[in-house]
């Protein structure tokens, strides 16, 4: 998903805003609409930043919203647990915070 700074910004869809709201609730208000960027294919995405300023997750809001709308993602709880929680070995994951390797 190549991103471009020249892509015109558009209003986020209701579904994209829902996903962004889940991210903000989980990781903090710094993940706002100003942090969203658009790919050449007009997909809205965000590098999710935790409350310590660490980026550990790229969320493509457009795809997650579409998967929620078509039932692939069945609930907000599933979205959070399976799609918005980084893998256990991700840098921003609380179980690995402060771990030096």
PDB file of N, CA and C in Angstrom:
ATOM      1  N   UNK A   1       0.836  -1.174   0.000  1.00  0.00           N
ATOM      2  CA  UNK A   1       0.000   0.000   0.000  1.00  0.00           C
ATOM      3  C   UNK A   1       0.877   1.231   0.000  1.00  0.00           C
ATOM      4  N   UNK A   2       1.335   1.691  -1.146  1.00  0.00           N
ATOM      5  CA  UNK A   2       2.160   2.890  -1.174  1.00  0.00           C
ATOM      6  C   UNK A   2       1.363   4.104  -0.720  1.00  0.00           C
ATOM      7  N   UNK A   3       1.969   4.904   0.120  1.00  0.00           N
ATOM      8  CA  UNK A   3       1.306   6.103   0.626  1.00  0.00           C
ATOM      9  C   UNK A   3       1.871   7.323  -0.067  1.00  0.00           C
ATOM     10  N   UNK A   4       1.066   8.316  -0.153  1.00  0.00           N
ATOM     11  CA  UNK A   4       1.528   9.550  -0.764  1.00  0.00           C
ATOM     12  C   UNK A   4       1.015  10.734   0.042  1.00  0.00           C
ATOM     13  N   UNK A   5       1.847  11.733   0.173  1.00  0.00           N
ATOM     14  CA  UNK A   5       1.426  12.949   0.845  1.00  0.00           C
ATOM     15  C   UNK A   5       0.624  13.836  -0.091  1.00  0.00           C
ATOM     16  N   UNK A   6       0.605  13.496  -1.379  1.00  0.00           N
ATOM     17  CA  UNK A   6      -0.108  14.306  -2.348  1.00  0.00           C
ATOM     18  C   UNK A   6      -1.541  13.828  -2.562  1.00  0.00           C
ATOM     19  N   UNK A   7      -1.891  12.702  -1.951  1.00  0.00           N
ATOM     20  CA  UNK A   7      -3.257  12.191  -2.061  1.00  0.00           C
ATOM     21  C   UNK A   7      -4.205  13.141  -1.346  1.00  0.00           C
ATOM     22  N   UNK A   8      -5.269  13.559  -2.001  1.00  0.00           N
ATOM     23  CA  UNK A   8      -6.190  14.482  -1.325  1.00  0.00           C
ATOM     24  C   UNK A   8      -6.840  13.794  -0.129  1.00  0.00           C
ATOM     25  N   UNK A   9      -6.901  14.502   0.958  1.00  0.00           N
ATOM     26  CA  UNK A   9      -7.570  13.956   2.141  1.00  0.00           C
ATOM     27  C   UNK A   9      -9.073  13.989   1.890  1.00  0.00           C
ATOM     28  N   UNK A  10      -9.727  12.994   2.397  1.00  0.00           N
ATOM     29  CA  UNK A  10     -11.177  12.934   2.294  1.00  0.00           C
ATOM     30  C   UNK A  10     -11.715  12.701   3.689  1.00  0.00           C
ATOM     31  N   UNK A  11     -12.991  12.897   3.840  1.00  0.00           N
ATOM     32  CA  UNK A  11     -13.615  12.601   5.132  1.00  0.00           C
ATOM     33  C   UNK A  11     -13.603  11.095   5.341  1.00  0.00           C
ATOM     34  N   UNK A  12     -13.338  10.681   6.566  1.00  0.00           N
ATOM     35  CA  UNK A  12     -13.388   9.255   6.880  1.00  0.00           C
ATOM     36  C   UNK A  12     -14.838   8.787   6.889  1.00  0.00           C
ATOM     37  N   UNK A  13     -15.042   7.556   6.463  1.00  0.00           N
ATOM     38  CA  UNK A  13     -16.383   6.978   6.485  1.00  0.00           C
ATOM     39  C   UNK A  13     -16.778   6.682   7.925  1.00  0.00           C
ATOM     40  N   UNK A  14     -18.049   6.392   8.135  1.00  0.00           N
ATOM     41  CA  UNK A  14     -18.539   6.044   9.467  1.00  0.00           C
ATOM     42  C   UNK A  14     -17.799   4.805   9.997  1.00  0.00           C
ATOM     43  N   UNK A  15     -17.596   3.827   9.139  1.00  0.00           N
ATOM     44  CA  UNK A  15     -16.885   2.616   9.547  1.00  0.00           C
ATOM     45  C   UNK A  15     -15.432   2.889   9.902  1.00  0.00           C
ATOM     46  N   UNK A  16     -14.764   3.721   9.110  1.00  0.00           N
ATOM     47  CA  UNK A  16     -13.374   4.083   9.398  1.00  0.00           C
ATOM     48  C   UNK A  16     -13.279   4.852  10.712  1.00  0.00           C
ATOM     49  N   UNK A  17     -14.235   5.739  10.957  1.00  0.00           N
ATOM     50  CA  UNK A  17     -14.260   6.482  12.218  1.00  0.00           C
ATOM     51  C   UNK A  17     -14.478   5.547  13.407  1.00  0.00           C
ATOM     52  N   UNK A  18     -15.315   4.520  13.230  1.00  0.00           N
ATOM     53  CA  UNK A  18     -15.532   3.547  14.294  1.00  0.00           C
ATOM     54  C   UNK A  18     -14.226   2.829  14.643  1.00  0.00           C
ATOM     55  N   UNK A  19     -13.495   2.399  13.634  1.00  0.00           N
ATOM     56  CA  UNK A  19     -12.217   1.718  13.864  1.00  0.00           C
ATOM     57  C   UNK A  19     -11.248   2.682  14.548  1.00  0.00           C
ATOM     58  N   UNK A  20     -11.172   3.908  14.079  1.00  0.00           N
ATOM     59  CA  UNK A  20     -10.292   4.895  14.691  1.00  0.00           C
ATOM     60  C   UNK A  20     -10.685   5.137  16.148  1.00  0.00           C
ATOM     61  N   UNK A  21     -11.964   5.181  16.442  1.00  0.00           N
ATOM     62  CA  UNK A  21     -12.423   5.347  17.834  1.00  0.00           C
ATOM     63  C   UNK A  21     -11.962   4.187  18.712  1.00  0.00           C
ATOM     64  N   UNK A  22     -11.985   2.980  18.173  1.00  0.00           N
ATOM     65  CA  UNK A  22     -11.507   1.814  18.928  1.00  0.00           C
ATOM     66  C   UNK A  22     -10.014   1.954  19.212  1.00  0.00           C
ATOM     67  N   UNK A  23      -9.260   2.407  18.220  1.00  0.00           N
ATOM     68  CA  UNK A  23      -7.815   2.609  18.380  1.00  0.00           C
ATOM     69  C   UNK A  23      -7.548   3.679  19.435  1.00  0.00           C
ATOM     70  N   UNK A  24      -8.269   4.773  19.358  1.00  0.00           N
ATOM     71  CA  UNK A  24      -8.089   5.854  20.342  1.00  0.00           C
ATOM     72  C   UNK A  24      -8.398   5.374  21.746  1.00  0.00           C
ATOM     73  N   UNK A  25      -9.447   4.583  21.885  1.00  0.00           N
ATOM     74  CA  UNK A  25      -9.817   4.056  23.197  1.00  0.00           C
ATOM     75  C   UNK A  25      -8.745   3.118  23.740  1.00  0.00           C
ATOM     76  N   UNK A  26      -8.165   2.308  22.871  1.00  0.00           N
ATOM     77  CA  UNK A  26      -7.157   1.334  23.293  1.00  0.00           C
ATOM     78  C   UNK A  26      -5.779   1.956  23.511  1.00  0.00           C
ATOM     79  N   UNK A  27      -5.382   2.883  22.654  1.00  0.00           N
ATOM     80  CA  UNK A  27      -3.997   3.353  22.626  1.00  0.00           C
ATOM     81  C   UNK A  27      -3.809   4.836  22.924  1.00  0.00           C
ATOM     82  N   UNK A  28      -4.883   5.612  22.934  1.00  0.00           N
ATOM     83  CA  UNK A  28      -4.765   7.013  23.307  1.00  0.00           C
ATOM     84  C   UNK A  28      -5.189   7.991  22.224  1.00  0.00           C
ATOM     85  N   UNK A  29      -5.487   9.191  22.691  1.00  0.00           N
ATOM     86  CA  UNK A  29      -6.027  10.251  21.831  1.00  0.00           C
ATOM     87  C   UNK A  29      -5.035  10.773  20.801  1.00  0.00           C
ATOM     88  N   UNK A  30      -3.747  10.449  20.954  1.00  0.00           N
ATOM     89  CA  UNK A  30      -2.757  10.882  19.971  1.00  0.00           C
ATOM     90  C   UNK A  30      -3.018  10.238  18.604  1.00  0.00           C
ATOM     91  N   UNK A  31      -3.787   9.182  18.569  1.00  0.00           N
ATOM     92  CA  UNK A  31      -4.171   8.520  17.315  1.00  0.00           C
ATOM     93  C   UNK A  31      -5.435   9.197  16.787  1.00  0.00           C
ATOM     94  N   UNK A  32      -5.260  10.376  16.224  1.00  0.00           N
ATOM     95  CA  UNK A  32      -6.402  11.167  15.777  1.00  0.00           C
ATOM     96  C   UNK A  32      -6.465  11.230  14.252  1.00  0.00           C
ATOM     97  N   UNK A  33      -7.436  11.948  13.752  1.00  0.00           N
ATOM     98  CA  UNK A  33      -7.610  12.033  12.299  1.00  0.00           C
ATOM     99  C   UNK A  33      -6.415  12.686  11.614  1.00  0.00           C
ATOM    100  N   UNK A  34      -5.698  13.532  12.316  1.00  0.00           N
ATOM    101  CA  UNK A  34      -4.509  14.163  11.732  1.00  0.00           C
ATOM    102  C   UNK A  34      -3.403  13.144  11.476  1.00  0.00           C
ATOM    103  N   UNK A  35      -3.414  12.024  12.201  1.00  0.00           N
ATOM    104  CA  UNK A  35      -2.391  10.984  12.032  1.00  0.00           C
ATOM    105  C   UNK A  35      -2.734  10.016  10.899  1.00  0.00           C
ATOM    106  N   UNK A  36      -3.945  10.103  10.384  1.00  0.00           N
ATOM    107  CA  UNK A  36      -4.389   9.217   9.297  1.00  0.00           C
ATOM    108  C   UNK A  36      -3.777   9.695   7.989  1.00  0.00           C
ATOM    109  N   UNK A  37      -3.338   8.736   7.185  1.00  0.00           N
ATOM    110  CA  UNK A  37      -2.850   9.059   5.848  1.00  0.00           C
ATOM    111  C   UNK A  37      -3.585   8.191   4.840  1.00  0.00           C
ATOM    112  N   UNK A  38      -3.453   8.517   3.581  1.00  0.00           N
ATOM    113  CA  UNK A  38      -4.172   7.813   2.517  1.00  0.00           C
ATOM    114  C   UNK A  38      -3.197   7.228   1.513  1.00  0.00           C
ATOM    115  N   UNK A  39      -3.473   5.999   1.119  1.00  0.00           N
ATOM    116  CA  UNK A  39      -2.651   5.348   0.097  1.00  0.00           C
ATOM    117  C   UNK A  39      -3.032   5.888  -1.274  1.00  0.00           C
ATOM    118  N   UNK A  40      -2.267   5.478  -2.268  1.00  0.00           N
ATOM    119  CA  UNK A  40      -2.595   5.856  -3.641  1.00  0.00           C
ATOM    120  C   UNK A  40      -3.962   5.322  -4.054  1.00  0.00           C
ATOM    121  N   UNK A  41      -4.394   4.233  -3.413  1.00  0.00           N
ATOM    122  CA  UNK A  41      -5.706   3.642  -3.694  1.00  0.00           C
ATOM    123  C   UNK A  41      -6.803   4.255  -2.825  1.00  0.00           C
ATOM    124  N   UNK A  42      -6.495   5.363  -2.132  1.00  0.00           N
ATOM    125  CA  UNK A  42      -7.439   6.097  -1.288  1.00  0.00           C
ATOM    126  C   UNK A  42      -7.871   5.299  -0.052  1.00  0.00           C
ATOM    127  N   UNK A  43      -7.003   4.410   0.422  1.00  0.00           N
ATOM    128  CA  UNK A  43      -7.272   3.673   1.657  1.00  0.00           C
ATOM    129  C   UNK A  43      -6.743   4.497   2.831  1.00  0.00           C
ATOM    130  N   UNK A  44      -7.585   4.662   3.844  1.00  0.00           N
ATOM    131  CA  UNK A  44      -7.186   5.378   5.049  1.00  0.00           C
ATOM    132  C   UNK A  44      -6.422   4.429   5.958  1.00  0.00           C
ATOM    133  N   UNK A  45      -5.285   4.899   6.468  1.00  0.00           N
ATOM    134  CA  UNK A  45      -4.457   4.065   7.345  1.00  0.00           C
ATOM    135  C   UNK A  45      -3.831   4.935   8.422  1.00  0.00           C
ATOM    136  N   UNK A  46      -3.360   4.276   9.482  1.00  0.00           N
ATOM    137  CA  UNK A  46      -2.704   4.981  10.575  1.00  0.00           C
ATOM    138  C   UNK A  46      -1.639   4.081  11.181  1.00  0.00           C
ATOM    139  N   UNK A  47      -0.485   4.671  11.485  1.00  0.00           N
ATOM    140  CA  UNK A  47       0.516   3.984  12.294  1.00  0.00           C
ATOM    141  C   UNK A  47       0.096   4.225  13.737  1.00  0.00           C
ATOM    142  N   UNK A  48      -0.380   3.200  14.402  1.00  0.00           N
ATOM    143  CA  UNK A  48      -0.895   3.326  15.765  1.00  0.00           C
ATOM    144  C   UNK A  48       0.273   3.578  16.706  1.00  0.00           C
ATOM    145  N   UNK A  49       0.118   4.601  17.535  1.00  0.00           N
ATOM    146  CA  UNK A  49       1.139   4.983  18.503  1.00  0.00           C
ATOM    147  C   UNK A  49       0.588   4.751  19.902  1.00  0.00           C
ATOM    148  N   UNK A  50       1.359   4.031  20.729  1.00  0.00           N
ATOM    149  CA  UNK A  50       0.885   3.802  22.091  1.00  0.00           C
ATOM    150  C   UNK A  50       1.113   5.054  22.932  1.00  0.00           C
ATOM    151  N   UNK A  51       0.697   4.993  24.184  1.00  0.00           N
ATOM    152  CA  UNK A  51       0.780   6.169  25.051  1.00  0.00           C
ATOM    153  C   UNK A  51       2.218   6.565  25.372  1.00  0.00           C
ATOM    154  N   UNK A  52       3.184   5.695  25.093  1.00  0.00           N
ATOM    155  CA  UNK A  52       4.597   6.013  25.303  1.00  0.00           C
ATOM    156  C   UNK A  52       5.250   6.542  24.034  1.00  0.00           C
ATOM    157  N   UNK A  53       4.476   6.687  22.966  1.00  0.00           N
ATOM    158  CA  UNK A  53       4.992   7.214  21.714  1.00  0.00           C
ATOM    159  C   UNK A  53       5.598   6.174  20.795  1.00  0.00           C
ATOM    160  N   UNK A  54       5.412   4.900  21.112  1.00  0.00           N
ATOM    161  CA  UNK A  54       5.972   3.823  20.305  1.00  0.00           C
ATOM    162  C   UNK A  54       4.964   3.393  19.251  1.00  0.00           C
ATOM    163  N   UNK A  55       5.414   3.317  18.000  1.00  0.00           N
ATOM    164  CA  UNK A  55       4.562   2.823  16.915  1.00  0.00           C
ATOM    165  C   UNK A  55       4.813   1.331  16.749  1.00  0.00           C
ATOM    166  N   UNK A  56       3.752   0.542  16.799  1.00  0.00           N
ATOM    167  CA  UNK A  56       3.935  -0.894  16.679  1.00  0.00           C
ATOM    168  C   UNK A  56       2.878  -1.574  15.847  1.00  0.00           C
ATOM    169  N   UNK A  57       2.030  -0.801  15.209  1.00  0.00           N
ATOM    170  CA  UNK A  57       0.907  -1.388  14.484  1.00  0.00           C
ATOM    171  C   UNK A  57       0.500  -0.455  13.351  1.00  0.00           C
ATOM    172  N   UNK A  58       0.304  -1.010  12.184  1.00  0.00           N
ATOM    173  CA  UNK A  58      -0.260  -0.260  11.059  1.00  0.00           C
ATOM    174  C   UNK A  58      -1.676  -0.766  10.872  1.00  0.00           C
ATOM    175  N   UNK A  59      -2.640   0.107  11.008  1.00  0.00           N
ATOM    176  CA  UNK A  59      -4.043  -0.265  10.831  1.00  0.00           C
ATOM    177  C   UNK A  59      -4.574   0.397   9.567  1.00  0.00           C
ATOM    178  N   UNK A  60      -5.060  -0.412   8.643  1.00  0.00           N
ATOM    179  CA  UNK A  60      -5.687   0.116   7.434  1.00  0.00           C
ATOM    180  C   UNK A  60      -7.173   0.241   7.746  1.00  0.00           C
ATOM    181  N   UNK A  61      -7.574   1.447   8.087  1.00  0.00           N
ATOM    182  CA  UNK A  61      -8.938   1.704   8.538  1.00  0.00           C
ATOM    183  C   UNK A  61      -9.970   1.285   7.504  1.00  0.00           C
ATOM    184  N   UNK A  62      -9.686   1.534   6.243  1.00  0.00           N
ATOM    185  CA  UNK A  62     -10.622   1.206   5.165  1.00  0.00           C
ATOM    186  C   UNK A  62     -10.906  -0.290   5.126  1.00  0.00           C
ATOM    187  N   UNK A  63      -9.862  -1.108   5.194  1.00  0.00           N
ATOM    188  CA  UNK A  63     -10.048  -2.560   5.147  1.00  0.00           C
ATOM    189  C   UNK A  63     -10.744  -3.083   6.392  1.00  0.00           C
ATOM    190  N   UNK A  64     -10.345  -2.593   7.552  1.00  0.00           N
ATOM    191  CA  UNK A  64     -10.975  -3.049   8.799  1.00  0.00           C
ATOM    192  C   UNK A  64     -12.450  -2.652   8.842  1.00  0.00           C
ATOM    193  N   UNK A  65     -12.767  -1.483   8.337  1.00  0.00           N
ATOM    194  CA  UNK A  65     -14.173  -1.052   8.286  1.00  0.00           C
ATOM    195  C   UNK A  65     -14.970  -1.938   7.338  1.00  0.00           C
ATOM    196  N   UNK A  66     -14.397  -2.271   6.189  1.00  0.00           N
ATOM    197  CA  UNK A  66     -15.088  -3.134   5.223  1.00  0.00           C
ATOM    198  C   UNK A  66     -15.296  -4.533   5.801  1.00  0.00           C
ATOM    199  N   UNK A  67     -14.287  -5.051   6.500  1.00  0.00           N
ATOM    200  CA  UNK A  67     -14.410  -6.384   7.099  1.00  0.00           C
ATOM    201  C   UNK A  67     -15.434  -6.393   8.222  1.00  0.00           C
ATOM    202  N   UNK A  68     -15.571  -5.292   8.928  1.00  0.00           N
ATOM    203  CA  UNK A  68     -16.612  -5.188   9.950  1.00  0.00           C
ATOM    204  C   UNK A  68     -17.991  -5.132   9.298  1.00  0.00           C
ATOM    205  N   UNK A  69     -18.093  -4.378   8.223  1.00  0.00           N
ATOM    206  CA  UNK A  69     -19.381  -4.219   7.539  1.00  0.00           C
ATOM    207  C   UNK A  69     -19.866  -5.519   6.910  1.00  0.00           C
ATOM    208  N   UNK A  70     -18.937  -6.333   6.376  1.00  0.00           N
ATOM    209  CA  UNK A  70     -19.377  -7.559   5.702  1.00  0.00           C
ATOM    210  C   UNK A  70     -19.449  -8.771   6.639  1.00  0.00           C
ATOM    211  N   UNK A  71     -19.153  -8.561   7.926  1.00  0.00           N
ATOM    212  CA  UNK A  71     -19.277  -9.642   8.898  1.00  0.00           C
ATOM    213  C   UNK A  71     -18.023 -10.477   9.100  1.00  0.00           C
ATOM    214  N   UNK A  72     -16.964 -10.194   8.346  1.00  0.00           N
ATOM    215  CA  UNK A  72     -15.704 -10.914   8.548  1.00  0.00           C
ATOM    216  C   UNK A  72     -15.205 -10.689   9.971  1.00  0.00           C
ATOM    217  N   UNK A  73     -15.320  -9.458  10.443  1.00  0.00           N
ATOM    218  CA  UNK A  73     -15.065  -9.126  11.846  1.00  0.00           C
ATOM    219  C   UNK A  73     -16.429  -8.955  12.479  1.00  0.00           C
ATOM    220  N   UNK A  74     -16.757  -9.841  13.430  1.00  0.00           N
ATOM    221  CA  UNK A  74     -18.125  -9.920  13.939  1.00  0.00           C
ATOM    222  C   UNK A  74     -18.506  -8.962  15.043  1.00  0.00           C
ATOM    223  N   UNK A  75     -17.520  -8.355  15.710  1.00  0.00           N
ATOM    224  CA  UNK A  75     -17.859  -7.482  16.837  1.00  0.00           C
ATOM    225  C   UNK A  75     -16.693  -6.544  17.126  1.00  0.00           C
ATOM    226  N   UNK A  76     -16.987  -5.531  17.929  1.00  0.00           N
ATOM    227  CA  UNK A  76     -15.927  -4.614  18.352  1.00  0.00           C
ATOM    228  C   UNK A  76     -14.883  -5.361  19.177  1.00  0.00           C
ATOM    229  N   UNK A  77     -15.326  -6.319  19.961  1.00  0.00           N
ATOM    230  CA  UNK A  77     -14.401  -7.101  20.777  1.00  0.00           C
ATOM    231  C   UNK A  77     -13.445  -7.906  19.894  1.00  0.00           C
ATOM    232  N   UNK A  78     -13.969  -8.494  18.825  1.00  0.00           N
ATOM    233  CA  UNK A  78     -13.112  -9.235  17.901  1.00  0.00           C
ATOM    234  C   UNK A  78     -12.153  -8.290  17.186  1.00  0.00           C
ATOM    235  N   UNK A  79     -12.632  -7.134  16.773  1.00  0.00           N
ATOM    236  CA  UNK A  79     -11.775  -6.144  16.134  1.00  0.00           C
ATOM    237  C   UNK A  79     -10.608  -5.799  17.040  1.00  0.00           C
ATOM    238  N   UNK A  80     -10.894  -5.552  18.301  1.00  0.00           N
ATOM    239  CA  UNK A  80      -9.852  -5.178  19.256  1.00  0.00           C
ATOM    240  C   UNK A  80      -8.876  -6.327  19.507  1.00  0.00           C
ATOM    241  N   UNK A  81      -9.414  -7.522  19.755  1.00  0.00           N
ATOM    242  CA  UNK A  81      -8.574  -8.649  20.162  1.00  0.00           C
ATOM    243  C   UNK A  81      -7.756  -9.235  19.023  1.00  0.00           C
ATOM    244  N   UNK A  82      -8.364  -9.354  17.851  1.00  0.00           N
ATOM    245  CA  UNK A  82      -7.691 -10.049  16.752  1.00  0.00           C
ATOM    246  C   UNK A  82      -7.011  -9.124  15.755  1.00  0.00           C
ATOM    247  N   UNK A  83      -7.463  -7.892  15.642  1.00  0.00           N
ATOM    248  CA  UNK A  83      -6.986  -7.023  14.576  1.00  0.00           C
ATOM    249  C   UNK A  83      -6.263  -5.779  15.069  1.00  0.00           C
ATOM    250  N   UNK A  84      -6.537  -5.358  16.301  1.00  0.00           N
ATOM    251  CA  UNK A  84      -5.913  -4.132  16.812  1.00  0.00           C
ATOM    252  C   UNK A  84      -4.959  -4.386  17.973  1.00  0.00           C
ATOM    253  N   UNK A  85      -4.744  -5.631  18.311  1.00  0.00           N
ATOM    254  CA  UNK A  85      -3.778  -5.984  19.347  1.00  0.00           C
ATOM    255  C   UNK A  85      -2.538  -6.524  18.654  1.00  0.00           C
ATOM    256  N   UNK A  86      -1.391  -5.916  18.906  1.00  0.00           N
ATOM    257  CA  UNK A  86      -0.186  -6.378  18.218  1.00  0.00           C
ATOM    258  C   UNK A  86       0.208  -7.779  18.678  1.00  0.00           C
ATOM    259  N   UNK A  87       0.998  -8.469  17.873  1.00  0.00           N
ATOM    260  CA  UNK A  87       1.481  -9.788  18.265  1.00  0.00           C
ATOM    261  C   UNK A  87       2.297  -9.701  19.552  1.00  0.00           C
ATOM    262  N   UNK A  88       2.415 -10.809  20.230  1.00  0.00           N
ATOM    263  CA  UNK A  88       3.100 -10.845  21.520  1.00  0.00           C
ATOM    264  C   UNK A  88       4.532 -10.331  21.442  1.00  0.00           C
ATOM    265  N   UNK A  89       5.184 -10.530  20.319  1.00  0.00           N
ATOM    266  CA  UNK A  89       6.581 -10.102  20.213  1.00  0.00           C
ATOM    267  C   UNK A  89       6.734  -8.673  19.686  1.00  0.00           C
ATOM    268  N   UNK A  90       5.623  -7.956  19.544  1.00  0.00           N
ATOM    269  CA  UNK A  90       5.699  -6.572  19.063  1.00  0.00           C
ATOM    270  C   UNK A  90       6.272  -5.663  20.152  1.00  0.00           C
ATOM    271  N   UNK A  91       6.978  -4.639  19.733  1.00  0.00           N
ATOM    272  CA  UNK A  91       7.663  -3.743  20.648  1.00  0.00           C
ATOM    273  C   UNK A  91       6.719  -3.065  21.635  1.00  0.00           C
ATOM    274  N   UNK A  92       5.536  -2.650  21.180  1.00  0.00           N
ATOM    275  CA  UNK A  92       4.664  -1.876  22.050  1.00  0.00           C
ATOM    276  C   UNK A  92       3.804  -2.743  22.955  1.00  0.00           C
ATOM    277  N   UNK A  93       3.885  -4.055  22.838  1.00  0.00           N
ATOM    278  CA  UNK A  93       3.046  -4.929  23.636  1.00  0.00           C
ATOM    279  C   UNK A  93       3.458  -4.850  25.095  1.00  0.00           C
ATOM    280  N   UNK A  94       2.498  -4.668  26.020  1.00  0.00           N
ATOM    281  CA  UNK A  94       2.843  -4.463  27.423  1.00  0.00           C
ATOM    282  C   UNK A  94       3.627  -5.617  28.050  1.00  0.00           C
ATOM    283  N   UNK A  95       3.472  -6.829  27.568  1.00  0.00           N
ATOM    284  CA  UNK A  95       4.222  -7.946  28.132  1.00  0.00           C
ATOM    285  C   UNK A  95       5.705  -7.864  27.799  1.00  0.00           C
ATOM    286  N   UNK A  96       6.063  -7.053  26.825  1.00  0.00           N
ATOM    287  CA  UNK A  96       7.457  -6.924  26.412  1.00  0.00           C
ATOM    288  C   UNK A  96       8.041  -5.541  26.728  1.00  0.00           C
ATOM    289  N   UNK A  97       7.263  -4.702  27.362  1.00  0.00           N
ATOM    290  CA  UNK A  97       7.728  -3.357  27.630  1.00  0.00           C
ATOM    291  C   UNK A  97       8.973  -3.393  28.508  1.00  0.00           C
ATOM    292  N   UNK A  98       9.975  -2.674  28.085  1.00  0.00           N
ATOM    293  CA  UNK A  98      11.203  -2.588  28.848  1.00  0.00           C
ATOM    294  C   UNK A  98      12.116  -3.791  28.724  1.00  0.00           C
ATOM    295  N   UNK A  99      11.754  -4.749  27.929  1.00  0.00           N
ATOM    296  CA  UNK A  99      12.558  -5.955  27.752  1.00  0.00           C
ATOM    297  C   UNK A  99      13.697  -5.671  26.795  1.00  0.00           C
ATOM    298  N   UNK A 100      14.898  -5.967  27.185  1.00  0.00           N
ATOM    299  CA  UNK A 100      16.068  -5.767  26.325  1.00  0.00           C
ATOM    300  C   UNK A 100      16.524  -7.088  25.768  1.00  0.00           C
ATOM    301  N   UNK A 101      16.610  -7.173  24.449  1.00  0.00           N
ATOM    302  CA  UNK A 101      17.112  -8.384  23.787  1.00  0.00           C
ATOM    303  C   UNK A 101      17.946  -8.002  22.609  1.00  0.00           C
TER     304      UNK A 101
END
